PDB file of N, CA and C in Angstrom:
ATOM      1  N   UNK A   1    -269.023 -28.604  15.018  1.00  0.00           N
ATOM      2  CA  UNK A   1    -269.453 -28.162  13.703  1.00  0.00           C
ATOM      3  C   UNK A   1    -269.336 -26.636  13.653  1.00  0.00           C
ATOM      4  N   UNK A   2    -268.616 -26.084  12.660  1.00  0.00           N
ATOM      5  CA  UNK A   2    -268.503 -24.627  12.547  1.00  0.00           C
ATOM      6  C   UNK A   2    -269.873 -23.977  12.375  1.00  0.00           C
ATOM      7  N   UNK A   3    -269.940 -22.697  12.772  1.00  0.00           N
ATOM      8  CA  UNK A   3    -271.221 -21.989  12.751  1.00  0.00           C
ATOM      9  C   UNK A   3    -271.858 -21.989  11.366  1.00  0.00           C
ATOM     10  N   UNK A   4    -271.047 -21.752  10.324  1.00  0.00           N
ATOM     11  CA  UNK A   4    -271.586 -21.701   8.965  1.00  0.00           C
ATOM     12  C   UNK A   4    -272.191 -23.045   8.574  1.00  0.00           C
ATOM     13  N   UNK A   5    -271.519 -24.141   8.904  1.00  0.00           N
ATOM     14  CA  UNK A   5    -272.039 -25.467   8.587  1.00  0.00           C
ATOM     15  C   UNK A   5    -273.312 -25.754   9.369  1.00  0.00           C
ATOM     16  N   UNK A   6    -273.356 -25.337  10.615  1.00  0.00           N
ATOM     17  CA  UNK A   6    -274.557 -25.533  11.426  1.00  0.00           C
ATOM     18  C   UNK A   6    -275.728 -24.751  10.848  1.00  0.00           C
ATOM     19  N   UNK A   7    -275.461 -23.537  10.377  1.00  0.00           N
ATOM     20  CA  UNK A   7    -276.516 -22.719   9.775  1.00  0.00           C
ATOM     21  C   UNK A   7    -277.029 -23.374   8.495  1.00  0.00           C
ATOM     22  N   UNK A   8    -276.126 -23.851   7.648  1.00  0.00           N
ATOM     23  CA  UNK A   8    -276.537 -24.521   6.407  1.00  0.00           C
ATOM     24  C   UNK A   8    -277.326 -25.787   6.717  1.00  0.00           C
ATOM     25  N   UNK A   9    -276.892 -26.535   7.731  1.00  0.00           N
ATOM     26  CA  UNK A   9    -277.613 -27.743   8.121  1.00  0.00           C
ATOM     27  C   UNK A   9    -279.024 -27.395   8.579  1.00  0.00           C
ATOM     28  N   UNK A  10    -279.132 -26.356   9.407  1.00  0.00           N
ATOM     29  CA  UNK A  10    -280.440 -25.931   9.917  1.00  0.00           C
ATOM     30  C   UNK A  10    -281.355 -25.508   8.769  1.00  0.00           C
ATOM     31  N   UNK A  11    -280.823 -24.730   7.836  1.00  0.00           N
ATOM     32  CA  UNK A  11    -281.631 -24.288   6.699  1.00  0.00           C
ATOM     33  C   UNK A  11    -282.023 -25.470   5.813  1.00  0.00           C
ATOM     34  N   UNK A  12    -281.091 -26.395   5.620  1.00  0.00           N
ATOM     35  CA  UNK A  12    -281.405 -27.586   4.832  1.00  0.00           C
ATOM     36  C   UNK A  12    -282.481 -28.426   5.489  1.00  0.00           C
ATOM     37  N   UNK A  13    -282.394 -28.573   6.803  1.00  0.00           N
ATOM     38  CA  UNK A  13    -283.404 -29.325   7.541  1.00  0.00           C
ATOM     39  C   UNK A  13    -284.761 -28.640   7.457  1.00  0.00           C
ATOM     40  N   UNK A  14    -284.786 -27.316   7.623  1.00  0.00           N
ATOM     41  CA  UNK A  14    -286.049 -26.578   7.487  1.00  0.00           C
ATOM     42  C   UNK A  14    -286.639 -26.759   6.097  1.00  0.00           C
ATOM     43  N   UNK A  15    -285.794 -26.741   5.081  1.00  0.00           N
ATOM     44  CA  UNK A  15    -286.278 -26.914   3.715  1.00  0.00           C
ATOM     45  C   UNK A  15    -286.847 -28.315   3.508  1.00  0.00           C
ATOM     46  N   UNK A  16    -286.192 -29.330   4.039  1.00  0.00           N
ATOM     47  CA  UNK A  16    -286.697 -30.703   3.921  1.00  0.00           C
ATOM     48  C   UNK A  16    -288.048 -30.836   4.622  1.00  0.00           C
ATOM     49  N   UNK A  17    -288.187 -30.255   5.804  1.00  0.00           N
ATOM     50  CA  UNK A  17    -289.464 -30.316   6.523  1.00  0.00           C
ATOM     51  C   UNK A  17    -290.541 -29.552   5.751  1.00  0.00           C
ATOM     52  N   UNK A  18    -290.187 -28.408   5.173  1.00  0.00           N
ATOM     53  CA  UNK A  18    -291.139 -27.641   4.368  1.00  0.00           C
ATOM     54  C   UNK A  18    -291.607 -28.458   3.166  1.00  0.00           C
ATOM     55  N   UNK A  19    -290.685 -29.136   2.511  1.00  0.00           N
ATOM     56  CA  UNK A  19    -291.040 -29.971   1.357  1.00  0.00           C
ATOM     57  C   UNK A  19    -291.945 -31.119   1.792  1.00  0.00           C
ATOM     58  N   UNK A  20    -291.657 -31.719   2.938  1.00  0.00           N
ATOM     59  CA  UNK A  20    -292.502 -32.798   3.454  1.00  0.00           C
ATOM     60  C   UNK A  20    -293.910 -32.287   3.747  1.00  0.00           C
ATOM     61  N   UNK A  21    -294.017 -31.109   4.368  1.00  0.00           N
ATOM     62  CA  UNK A  21    -295.335 -30.526   4.658  1.00  0.00           C
ATOM     63  C   UNK A  21    -296.109 -30.257   3.373  1.00  0.00           C
ATOM     64  N   UNK A  22    -295.419 -29.713   2.374  1.00  0.00           N
ATOM     65  CA  UNK A  22    -296.071 -29.401   1.101  1.00  0.00           C
ATOM     66  C   UNK A  22    -296.515 -30.676   0.392  1.00  0.00           C
ATOM     67  N   UNK A  23    -295.701 -31.714   0.441  1.00  0.00           N
ATOM     68  CA  UNK A  23    -296.049 -32.979  -0.202  1.00  0.00           C
ATOM     69  C   UNK A  23    -297.241 -33.628   0.487  1.00  0.00           C
ATOM     70  N   UNK A  24    -297.230 -33.649   1.807  1.00  0.00           N
ATOM     71  CA  UNK A  24    -298.361 -34.208   2.560  1.00  0.00           C
ATOM     72  C   UNK A  24    -299.624 -33.410   2.268  1.00  0.00           C
ATOM     73  N   UNK A  25    -299.504 -32.088   2.221  1.00  0.00           N
ATOM     74  CA  UNK A  25    -300.660 -31.244   1.920  1.00  0.00           C
ATOM     75  C   UNK A  25    -301.220 -31.561   0.535  1.00  0.00           C
ATOM     76  N   UNK A  26    -300.349 -31.790  -0.426  1.00  0.00           N
ATOM     77  CA  UNK A  26    -300.803 -32.112  -1.779  1.00  0.00           C
ATOM     78  C   UNK A  26    -301.517 -33.459  -1.812  1.00  0.00           C
ATOM     79  N   UNK A  27    -301.004 -34.442  -1.091  1.00  0.00           N
ATOM     80  CA  UNK A  27    -301.677 -35.737  -1.014  1.00  0.00           C
ATOM     81  C   UNK A  27    -303.028 -35.606  -0.317  1.00  0.00           C
ATOM     82  N   UNK A  28    -303.094 -34.770   0.717  1.00  0.00           N
ATOM     83  CA  UNK A  28    -304.369 -34.542   1.397  1.00  0.00           C
ATOM     84  C   UNK A  28    -305.351 -33.794   0.506  1.00  0.00           C
ATOM     85  N   UNK A  29    -304.841 -32.943  -0.370  1.00  0.00           N
ATOM     86  CA  UNK A  29    -305.711 -32.253  -1.324  1.00  0.00           C
ATOM     87  C   UNK A  29    -306.426 -33.271  -2.205  1.00  0.00           C
ATOM     88  N   UNK A  30    -305.710 -34.269  -2.666  1.00  0.00           N
ATOM     89  CA  UNK A  30    -306.353 -35.331  -3.454  1.00  0.00           C
ATOM     90  C   UNK A  30    -307.342 -36.103  -2.594  1.00  0.00           C
ATOM     91  N   UNK A  31    -306.951 -36.393  -1.361  1.00  0.00           N
ATOM     92  CA  UNK A  31    -307.805 -37.150  -0.445  1.00  0.00           C
ATOM     93  C   UNK A  31    -309.070 -36.363  -0.057  1.00  0.00           C
ATOM     94  N   UNK A  32    -309.008 -35.032  -0.154  1.00  0.00           N
ATOM     95  CA  UNK A  32    -310.143 -34.197   0.268  1.00  0.00           C
ATOM     96  C   UNK A  32    -311.325 -34.261  -0.692  1.00  0.00           C
ATOM     97  N   UNK A  33    -311.128 -34.877  -1.855  1.00  0.00           N
ATOM     98  CA  UNK A  33    -312.205 -35.032  -2.837  1.00  0.00           C
ATOM     99  C   UNK A  33    -312.813 -33.678  -3.203  1.00  0.00           C
ATOM    100  N   UNK A  34    -311.952 -32.807  -3.717  1.00  0.00           N
ATOM    101  CA  UNK A  34    -312.414 -31.475  -4.113  1.00  0.00           C
ATOM    102  C   UNK A  34    -312.764 -30.596  -2.920  1.00  0.00           C
ATOM    103  N   UNK A  35    -312.094 -30.818  -1.812  1.00  0.00           N
ATOM    104  CA  UNK A  35    -312.312 -30.106  -0.548  1.00  0.00           C
ATOM    105  C   UNK A  35    -313.723 -30.324  -0.003  1.00  0.00           C
ATOM    106  N   UNK A  36    -314.304 -31.479  -0.323  1.00  0.00           N
ATOM    107  CA  UNK A  36    -315.634 -31.806   0.190  1.00  0.00           C
ATOM    108  C   UNK A  36    -315.564 -32.648   1.464  1.00  0.00           C
ATOM    109  N   UNK A  37    -314.379 -33.096   1.842  1.00  0.00           N
ATOM    110  CA  UNK A  37    -314.197 -33.852   3.081  1.00  0.00           C
ATOM    111  C   UNK A  37    -313.430 -32.974   4.064  1.00  0.00           C
ATOM    112  N   UNK A  38    -313.997 -32.797   5.260  1.00  0.00           N
ATOM    113  CA  UNK A  38    -313.501 -31.809   6.216  1.00  0.00           C
ATOM    114  C   UNK A  38    -312.057 -32.054   6.644  1.00  0.00           C
ATOM    115  N   UNK A  39    -311.753 -33.207   7.222  1.00  0.00           N
ATOM    116  CA  UNK A  39    -310.444 -33.392   7.843  1.00  0.00           C
ATOM    117  C   UNK A  39    -309.286 -33.429   6.854  1.00  0.00           C
ATOM    118  N   UNK A  40    -309.444 -34.075   5.712  1.00  0.00           N
ATOM    119  CA  UNK A  40    -308.352 -33.943   4.737  1.00  0.00           C
ATOM    120  C   UNK A  40    -308.170 -32.497   4.260  1.00  0.00           C
ATOM    121  N   UNK A  41    -309.270 -31.753   4.166  1.00  0.00           N
ATOM    122  CA  UNK A  41    -309.180 -30.343   3.755  1.00  0.00           C
ATOM    123  C   UNK A  41    -308.472 -29.509   4.813  1.00  0.00           C
ATOM    124  N   UNK A  42    -308.799 -29.739   6.077  1.00  0.00           N
ATOM    125  CA  UNK A  42    -308.142 -29.014   7.168  1.00  0.00           C
ATOM    126  C   UNK A  42    -306.652 -29.368   7.201  1.00  0.00           C
ATOM    127  N   UNK A  43    -306.330 -30.650   7.102  1.00  0.00           N
ATOM    128  CA  UNK A  43    -304.931 -31.072   7.084  1.00  0.00           C
ATOM    129  C   UNK A  43    -304.171 -30.472   5.923  1.00  0.00           C
ATOM    130  N   UNK A  44    -304.828 -30.384   4.773  1.00  0.00           N
ATOM    131  CA  UNK A  44    -304.203 -29.785   3.598  1.00  0.00           C
ATOM    132  C   UNK A  44    -303.880 -28.322   3.852  1.00  0.00           C
ATOM    133  N   UNK A  45    -304.816 -27.579   4.404  1.00  0.00           N
ATOM    134  CA  UNK A  45    -304.579 -26.160   4.690  1.00  0.00           C
ATOM    135  C   UNK A  45    -303.453 -25.975   5.707  1.00  0.00           C
ATOM    136  N   UNK A  46    -303.460 -26.772   6.764  1.00  0.00           N
ATOM    137  CA  UNK A  46    -302.403 -26.690   7.780  1.00  0.00           C
ATOM    138  C   UNK A  46    -301.049 -27.026   7.154  1.00  0.00           C
ATOM    139  N   UNK A  47    -301.011 -28.047   6.316  1.00  0.00           N
ATOM    140  CA  UNK A  47    -299.763 -28.442   5.668  1.00  0.00           C
ATOM    141  C   UNK A  47    -299.196 -27.361   4.771  1.00  0.00           C
ATOM    142  N   UNK A  48    -300.060 -26.723   3.972  1.00  0.00           N
ATOM    143  CA  UNK A  48    -299.573 -25.660   3.087  1.00  0.00           C
ATOM    144  C   UNK A  48    -299.108 -24.438   3.879  1.00  0.00           C
ATOM    145  N   UNK A  49    -299.845 -24.078   4.934  1.00  0.00           N
ATOM    146  CA  UNK A  49    -299.426 -22.935   5.757  1.00  0.00           C
ATOM    147  C   UNK A  49    -298.076 -23.230   6.412  1.00  0.00           C
ATOM    148  N   UNK A  50    -297.923 -24.421   6.968  1.00  0.00           N
ATOM    149  CA  UNK A  50    -296.646 -24.793   7.595  1.00  0.00           C
ATOM    150  C   UNK A  50    -295.515 -24.785   6.570  1.00  0.00           C
ATOM    151  N   UNK A  51    -295.775 -25.324   5.389  1.00  0.00           N
ATOM    152  CA  UNK A  51    -294.745 -25.373   4.349  1.00  0.00           C
ATOM    153  C   UNK A  51    -294.295 -23.972   3.955  1.00  0.00           C
ATOM    154  N   UNK A  52    -295.238 -23.075   3.743  1.00  0.00           N
ATOM    155  CA  UNK A  52    -294.879 -21.715   3.333  1.00  0.00           C
ATOM    156  C   UNK A  52    -294.182 -20.953   4.454  1.00  0.00           C
ATOM    157  N   UNK A  53    -294.599 -21.182   5.688  1.00  0.00           N
ATOM    158  CA  UNK A  53    -293.928 -20.533   6.815  1.00  0.00           C
ATOM    159  C   UNK A  53    -292.469 -20.994   6.899  1.00  0.00           C
ATOM    160  N   UNK A  54    -292.253 -22.296   6.820  1.00  0.00           N
ATOM    161  CA  UNK A  54    -290.885 -22.823   6.892  1.00  0.00           C
ATOM    162  C   UNK A  54    -290.047 -22.352   5.707  1.00  0.00           C
ATOM    163  N   UNK A  55    -290.652 -22.314   4.525  1.00  0.00           N
ATOM    164  CA  UNK A  55    -289.937 -21.812   3.351  1.00  0.00           C
ATOM    165  C   UNK A  55    -289.533 -20.356   3.556  1.00  0.00           C
ATOM    166  N   UNK A  56    -290.409 -19.571   4.170  1.00  0.00           N
ATOM    167  CA  UNK A  56    -290.077 -18.161   4.411  1.00  0.00           C
ATOM    168  C   UNK A  56    -288.879 -18.026   5.350  1.00  0.00           C
ATOM    169  N   UNK A  57    -288.742 -18.932   6.309  1.00  0.00           N
ATOM    170  CA  UNK A  57    -287.585 -18.898   7.208  1.00  0.00           C
ATOM    171  C   UNK A  57    -286.295 -19.217   6.451  1.00  0.00           C
ATOM    172  N   UNK A  58    -286.362 -20.180   5.561  1.00  0.00           N
ATOM    173  CA  UNK A  58    -285.183 -20.542   4.768  1.00  0.00           C
ATOM    174  C   UNK A  58    -284.774 -19.372   3.873  1.00  0.00           C
ATOM    175  N   UNK A  59    -285.765 -18.703   3.287  1.00  0.00           N
ATOM    176  CA  UNK A  59    -285.473 -17.617   2.345  1.00  0.00           C
ATOM    177  C   UNK A  59    -284.934 -16.360   3.021  1.00  0.00           C
ATOM    178  N   UNK A  60    -284.965 -16.313   4.338  1.00  0.00           N
ATOM    179  CA  UNK A  60    -284.354 -15.179   5.034  1.00  0.00           C
ATOM    180  C   UNK A  60    -282.847 -15.155   4.828  1.00  0.00           C
ATOM    181  N   UNK A  61    -282.248 -16.323   4.593  1.00  0.00           N
ATOM    182  CA  UNK A  61    -280.789 -16.405   4.511  1.00  0.00           C
ATOM    183  C   UNK A  61    -280.247 -16.980   3.209  1.00  0.00           C
ATOM    184  N   UNK A  62    -281.076 -17.647   2.441  1.00  0.00           N
ATOM    185  CA  UNK A  62    -280.596 -18.274   1.210  1.00  0.00           C
ATOM    186  C   UNK A  62    -281.283 -17.654   0.001  1.00  0.00           C
ATOM    187  N   UNK A  63    -280.644 -17.701  -1.175  1.00  0.00           N
ATOM    188  CA  UNK A  63    -281.214 -17.089  -2.371  1.00  0.00           C
ATOM    189  C   UNK A  63    -282.448 -17.843  -2.874  1.00  0.00           C
ATOM    190  N   UNK A  64    -283.415 -17.087  -3.351  1.00  0.00           N
ATOM    191  CA  UNK A  64    -284.710 -17.648  -3.728  1.00  0.00           C
ATOM    192  C   UNK A  64    -284.617 -18.617  -4.913  1.00  0.00           C
ATOM    193  N   UNK A  65    -283.791 -18.339  -5.895  1.00  0.00           N
ATOM    194  CA  UNK A  65    -283.743 -19.184  -7.089  1.00  0.00           C
ATOM    195  C   UNK A  65    -283.387 -20.631  -6.805  1.00  0.00           C
ATOM    196  N   UNK A  66    -282.215 -20.886  -6.234  1.00  0.00           N
ATOM    197  CA  UNK A  66    -281.850 -22.279  -5.948  1.00  0.00           C
ATOM    198  C   UNK A  66    -282.766 -22.941  -4.914  1.00  0.00           C
ATOM    199  N   UNK A  67    -283.185 -22.178  -3.905  1.00  0.00           N
ATOM    200  CA  UNK A  67    -284.069 -22.753  -2.883  1.00  0.00           C
ATOM    201  C   UNK A  67    -285.383 -23.185  -3.515  1.00  0.00           C
ATOM    202  N   UNK A  68    -285.958 -22.328  -4.351  1.00  0.00           N
ATOM    203  CA  UNK A  68    -287.236 -22.675  -4.973  1.00  0.00           C
ATOM    204  C   UNK A  68    -287.071 -23.836  -5.944  1.00  0.00           C
ATOM    205  N   UNK A  69    -285.940 -23.908  -6.626  1.00  0.00           N
ATOM    206  CA  UNK A  69    -285.700 -25.032  -7.532  1.00  0.00           C
ATOM    207  C   UNK A  69    -285.633 -26.348  -6.756  1.00  0.00           C
ATOM    208  N   UNK A  70    -284.943 -26.344  -5.625  1.00  0.00           N
ATOM    209  CA  UNK A  70    -284.880 -27.543  -4.786  1.00  0.00           C
ATOM    210  C   UNK A  70    -286.265 -27.871  -4.245  1.00  0.00           C
ATOM    211  N   UNK A  71    -286.972 -26.870  -3.756  1.00  0.00           N
ATOM    212  CA  UNK A  71    -288.335 -27.027  -3.222  1.00  0.00           C
ATOM    213  C   UNK A  71    -289.247 -27.671  -4.261  1.00  0.00           C
ATOM    214  N   UNK A  72    -289.307 -27.075  -5.437  1.00  0.00           N
ATOM    215  CA  UNK A  72    -290.244 -27.571  -6.443  1.00  0.00           C
ATOM    216  C   UNK A  72    -289.790 -28.912  -7.019  1.00  0.00           C
ATOM    217  N   UNK A  73    -288.485 -29.090  -7.192  1.00  0.00           N
ATOM    218  CA  UNK A  73    -287.989 -30.348  -7.743  1.00  0.00           C
ATOM    219  C   UNK A  73    -288.214 -31.532  -6.825  1.00  0.00           C
ATOM    220  N   UNK A  74    -287.797 -31.397  -5.579  1.00  0.00           N
ATOM    221  CA  UNK A  74    -287.992 -32.503  -4.634  1.00  0.00           C
ATOM    222  C   UNK A  74    -289.464 -32.716  -4.327  1.00  0.00           C
ATOM    223  N   UNK A  75    -290.217 -31.621  -4.233  1.00  0.00           N
ATOM    224  CA  UNK A  75    -291.659 -31.748  -4.001  1.00  0.00           C
ATOM    225  C   UNK A  75    -292.342 -32.505  -5.125  1.00  0.00           C
ATOM    226  N   UNK A  76    -291.966 -32.201  -6.356  1.00  0.00           N
ATOM    227  CA  UNK A  76    -292.537 -32.885  -7.515  1.00  0.00           C
ATOM    228  C   UNK A  76    -292.180 -34.367  -7.508  1.00  0.00           C
ATOM    229  N   UNK A  77    -290.918 -34.670  -7.284  1.00  0.00           N
ATOM    230  CA  UNK A  77    -290.474 -36.067  -7.281  1.00  0.00           C
ATOM    231  C   UNK A  77    -291.132 -36.853  -6.152  1.00  0.00           C
ATOM    232  N   UNK A  78    -291.157 -36.276  -4.970  1.00  0.00           N
ATOM    233  CA  UNK A  78    -291.747 -36.956  -3.821  1.00  0.00           C
ATOM    234  C   UNK A  78    -293.248 -37.147  -4.002  1.00  0.00           C
ATOM    235  N   UNK A  79    -293.922 -36.144  -4.545  1.00  0.00           N
ATOM    236  CA  UNK A  79    -295.361 -36.252  -4.779  1.00  0.00           C
ATOM    237  C   UNK A  79    -295.660 -37.329  -5.818  1.00  0.00           C
ATOM    238  N   UNK A  80    -294.856 -37.406  -6.871  1.00  0.00           N
ATOM    239  CA  UNK A  80    -295.059 -38.450  -7.882  1.00  0.00           C
ATOM    240  C   UNK A  80    -294.878 -39.836  -7.270  1.00  0.00           C
ATOM    241  N   UNK A  81    -293.834 -40.002  -6.475  1.00  0.00           N
ATOM    242  CA  UNK A  81    -293.572 -41.297  -5.849  1.00  0.00           C
ATOM    243  C   UNK A  81    -294.673 -41.673  -4.857  1.00  0.00           C
ATOM    244  N   UNK A  82    -295.043 -40.746  -3.988  1.00  0.00           N
ATOM    245  CA  UNK A  82    -296.074 -41.046  -2.987  1.00  0.00           C
ATOM    246  C   UNK A  82    -297.459 -41.169  -3.616  1.00  0.00           C
ATOM    247  N   UNK A  83    -297.703 -40.453  -4.709  1.00  0.00           N
ATOM    248  CA  UNK A  83    -298.961 -40.628  -5.439  1.00  0.00           C
ATOM    249  C   UNK A  83    -299.074 -42.038  -5.996  1.00  0.00           C
ATOM    250  N   UNK A  84    -297.962 -42.570  -6.455  1.00  0.00           N
ATOM    251  CA  UNK A  84    -297.930 -43.951  -6.936  1.00  0.00           C
ATOM    252  C   UNK A  84    -298.193 -44.924  -5.785  1.00  0.00           C
ATOM    253  N   UNK A  85    -297.527 -44.695  -4.651  1.00  0.00           N
ATOM    254  CA  UNK A  85    -297.667 -45.597  -3.500  1.00  0.00           C
ATOM    255  C   UNK A  85    -299.055 -45.494  -2.873  1.00  0.00           C
ATOM    256  N   UNK A  86    -299.517 -44.274  -2.625  1.00  0.00           N
ATOM    257  CA  UNK A  86    -300.764 -44.077  -1.877  1.00  0.00           C
ATOM    258  C   UNK A  86    -302.020 -44.242  -2.726  1.00  0.00           C
ATOM    259  N   UNK A  87    -301.949 -43.821  -3.992  1.00  0.00           N
ATOM    260  CA  UNK A  87    -303.158 -43.786  -4.810  1.00  0.00           C
ATOM    261  C   UNK A  87    -303.079 -44.659  -6.056  1.00  0.00           C
ATOM    262  N   UNK A  88    -301.930 -45.269  -6.290  1.00  0.00           N
ATOM    263  CA  UNK A  88    -301.775 -46.073  -7.489  1.00  0.00           C
ATOM    264  C   UNK A  88    -301.670 -45.237  -8.752  1.00  0.00           C
ATOM    265  N   UNK A  89    -301.321 -43.949  -8.605  1.00  0.00           N
ATOM    266  CA  UNK A  89    -301.147 -43.084  -9.772  1.00  0.00           C
ATOM    267  C   UNK A  89    -300.052 -43.669 -10.658  1.00  0.00           C
ATOM    268  N   UNK A  90    -300.333 -43.772 -11.916  1.00  0.00           N
ATOM    269  CA  UNK A  90    -299.381 -44.357 -12.860  1.00  0.00           C
ATOM    270  C   UNK A  90    -298.768 -43.270 -13.726  1.00  0.00           C
ATOM    271  N   UNK A  91    -297.461 -43.338 -13.889  1.00  0.00           N
ATOM    272  CA  UNK A  91    -296.752 -42.462 -14.812  1.00  0.00           C
ATOM    273  C   UNK A  91    -296.058 -43.339 -15.838  1.00  0.00           C
ATOM    274  N   UNK A  92    -296.026 -42.907 -17.094  1.00  0.00           N
ATOM    275  CA  UNK A  92    -295.288 -43.683 -18.095  1.00  0.00           C
ATOM    276  C   UNK A  92    -293.790 -43.645 -17.797  1.00  0.00           C
ATOM    277  N   UNK A  93    -293.047 -44.613 -18.312  1.00  0.00           N
ATOM    278  CA  UNK A  93    -291.607 -44.672 -18.027  1.00  0.00           C
ATOM    279  C   UNK A  93    -290.867 -43.370 -18.332  1.00  0.00           C
ATOM    280  N   UNK A  94    -291.228 -42.706 -19.406  1.00  0.00           N
ATOM    281  CA  UNK A  94    -290.570 -41.442 -19.741  1.00  0.00           C
ATOM    282  C   UNK A  94    -290.765 -40.387 -18.671  1.00  0.00           C
ATOM    283  N   UNK A  95    -291.914 -40.400 -18.018  1.00  0.00           N
ATOM    284  CA  UNK A  95    -292.172 -39.442 -16.942  1.00  0.00           C
ATOM    285  C   UNK A  95    -291.270 -39.724 -15.744  1.00  0.00           C
ATOM    286  N   UNK A  96    -291.018 -41.008 -15.461  1.00  0.00           N
ATOM    287  CA  UNK A  96    -290.112 -41.354 -14.361  1.00  0.00           C
ATOM    288  C   UNK A  96    -288.681 -40.938 -14.682  1.00  0.00           C
ATOM    289  N   UNK A  97    -288.312 -41.003 -15.965  1.00  0.00           N
ATOM    290  CA  UNK A  97    -286.995 -40.496 -16.371  1.00  0.00           C
ATOM    291  C   UNK A  97    -286.924 -39.001 -16.075  1.00  0.00           C
ATOM    292  N   UNK A  98    -288.015 -38.288 -16.374  1.00  0.00           N
ATOM    293  CA  UNK A  98    -288.069 -36.860 -16.064  1.00  0.00           C
ATOM    294  C   UNK A  98    -287.929 -36.599 -14.577  1.00  0.00           C
ATOM    295  N   UNK A  99    -288.592 -37.405 -13.754  1.00  0.00           N
ATOM    296  CA  UNK A  99    -288.479 -37.261 -12.299  1.00  0.00           C
ATOM    297  C   UNK A  99    -287.032 -37.489 -11.865  1.00  0.00           C
ATOM    298  N   UNK A 100    -286.376 -38.488 -12.450  1.00  0.00           N
ATOM    299  CA  UNK A 100    -284.971 -38.754 -12.114  1.00  0.00           C
ATOM    300  C   UNK A 100    -284.083 -37.579 -12.515  1.00  0.00           C
ATOM    301  N   UNK A 101    -284.359 -36.972 -13.651  1.00  0.00           N
ATOM    302  CA  UNK A 101    -283.578 -35.806 -14.077  1.00  0.00           C
ATOM    303  C   UNK A 101    -283.796 -34.623 -13.138  1.00  0.00           C
ATOM    304  N   UNK A 102    -285.030 -34.451 -12.673  1.00  0.00           N
ATOM    305  CA  UNK A 102    -285.307 -33.396 -11.689  1.00  0.00           C
ATOM    306  C   UNK A 102    -284.482 -33.638 -10.432  1.00  0.00           C
ATOM    307  N   UNK A 103    -284.456 -34.877  -9.964  1.00  0.00           N
ATOM    308  CA  UNK A 103    -283.670 -35.207  -8.763  1.00  0.00           C
ATOM    309  C   UNK A 103    -282.186 -34.943  -8.987  1.00  0.00           C
ATOM    310  N   UNK A 104    -281.684 -35.272 -10.171  1.00  0.00           N
ATOM    311  CA  UNK A 104    -280.276 -34.998 -10.473  1.00  0.00           C
ATOM    312  C   UNK A 104    -280.014 -33.497 -10.449  1.00  0.00           C
ATOM    313  N   UNK A 105    -280.931 -32.725 -10.986  1.00  0.00           N
ATOM    314  CA  UNK A 105    -280.790 -31.270 -10.950  1.00  0.00           C
ATOM    315  C   UNK A 105    -280.781 -30.734  -9.535  1.00  0.00           C
ATOM    316  N   UNK A 106    -281.606 -31.312  -8.678  1.00  0.00           N
ATOM    317  CA  UNK A 106    -281.649 -30.890  -7.276  1.00  0.00           C
ATOM    318  C   UNK A 106    -280.312 -31.169  -6.600  1.00  0.00           C
ATOM    319  N   UNK A 107    -279.707 -32.311  -6.908  1.00  0.00           N
ATOM    320  CA  UNK A 107    -278.399 -32.632  -6.331  1.00  0.00           C
ATOM    321  C   UNK A 107    -277.374 -31.583  -6.751  1.00  0.00           C
ATOM    322  N   UNK A 108    -277.352 -31.227  -8.032  1.00  0.00           N
ATOM    323  CA  UNK A 108    -276.407 -30.214  -8.501  1.00  0.00           C
ATOM    324  C   UNK A 108    -276.659 -28.875  -7.825  1.00  0.00           C
ATOM    325  N   UNK A 109    -277.921 -28.487  -7.697  1.00  0.00           N
ATOM    326  CA  UNK A 109    -278.229 -27.220  -7.027  1.00  0.00           C
ATOM    327  C   UNK A 109    -277.784 -27.245  -5.572  1.00  0.00           C
ATOM    328  N   UNK A 110    -278.014 -28.361  -4.907  1.00  0.00           N
ATOM    329  CA  UNK A 110    -277.637 -28.463  -3.496  1.00  0.00           C
ATOM    330  C   UNK A 110    -276.129 -28.365  -3.315  1.00  0.00           C
ATOM    331  N   UNK A 111    -275.387 -28.965  -4.217  1.00  0.00           N
ATOM    332  CA  UNK A 111    -273.927 -28.926  -4.125  1.00  0.00           C
ATOM    333  C   UNK A 111    -273.411 -27.506  -4.335  1.00  0.00           C
ATOM    334  N   UNK A 112    -274.028 -26.774  -5.242  1.00  0.00           N
ATOM    335  CA  UNK A 112    -273.530 -25.450  -5.599  1.00  0.00           C
ATOM    336  C   UNK A 112    -274.318 -24.309  -4.969  1.00  0.00           C
ATOM    337  N   UNK A 113    -275.200 -24.615  -4.017  1.00  0.00           N
ATOM    338  CA  UNK A 113    -275.949 -23.572  -3.320  1.00  0.00           C
ATOM    339  C   UNK A 113    -274.977 -22.683  -2.551  1.00  0.00           C
ATOM    340  N   UNK A 114    -275.097 -21.369  -2.706  1.00  0.00           N
ATOM    341  CA  UNK A 114    -274.162 -20.470  -2.007  1.00  0.00           C
ATOM    342  C   UNK A 114    -274.205 -20.680  -0.498  1.00  0.00           C
ATOM    343  N   UNK A 115    -273.062 -20.583   0.112  1.00  0.00           N
ATOM    344  CA  UNK A 115    -272.939 -20.706   1.569  1.00  0.00           C
ATOM    345  C   UNK A 115    -273.309 -19.390   2.236  1.00  0.00           C
ATOM    346  N   UNK A 116    -273.893 -19.504   3.431  1.00  0.00           N
ATOM    347  CA  UNK A 116    -274.157 -18.303   4.222  1.00  0.00           C
ATOM    348  C   UNK A 116    -272.996 -18.083   5.168  1.00  0.00           C
ATOM    349  N   UNK A 117    -272.732 -16.841   5.492  1.00  0.00           N
ATOM    350  CA  UNK A 117    -271.644 -16.536   6.436  1.00  0.00           C
ATOM    351  C   UNK A 117    -272.190 -16.061   7.757  1.00  0.00           C
TER     352      UNK A 117
END
């Protein structure tokens, strides 16, 4: 794998892990019951710190606009899906269409994200 492709893969992997940490932290925030339960609150704080640290590593080499769009788009879609699975959160059909459009936008951003050299 050429160096540039390896770098993009590494940054993409870091971004995916950051999004996973942020999504888990958000689910733990709901589970913390207004931060009144210790362990979900601690897990939430650790998750957000890890997510922001990993995001900062990605932003050292990639532009903030597309990275943040991918971060927020995938985080939103994943949180909506896992909120439905874990908590039974219901969204109207139109909201799911919006989530699908966000995912489509993320795909376009990922395809056209500038390459690092």
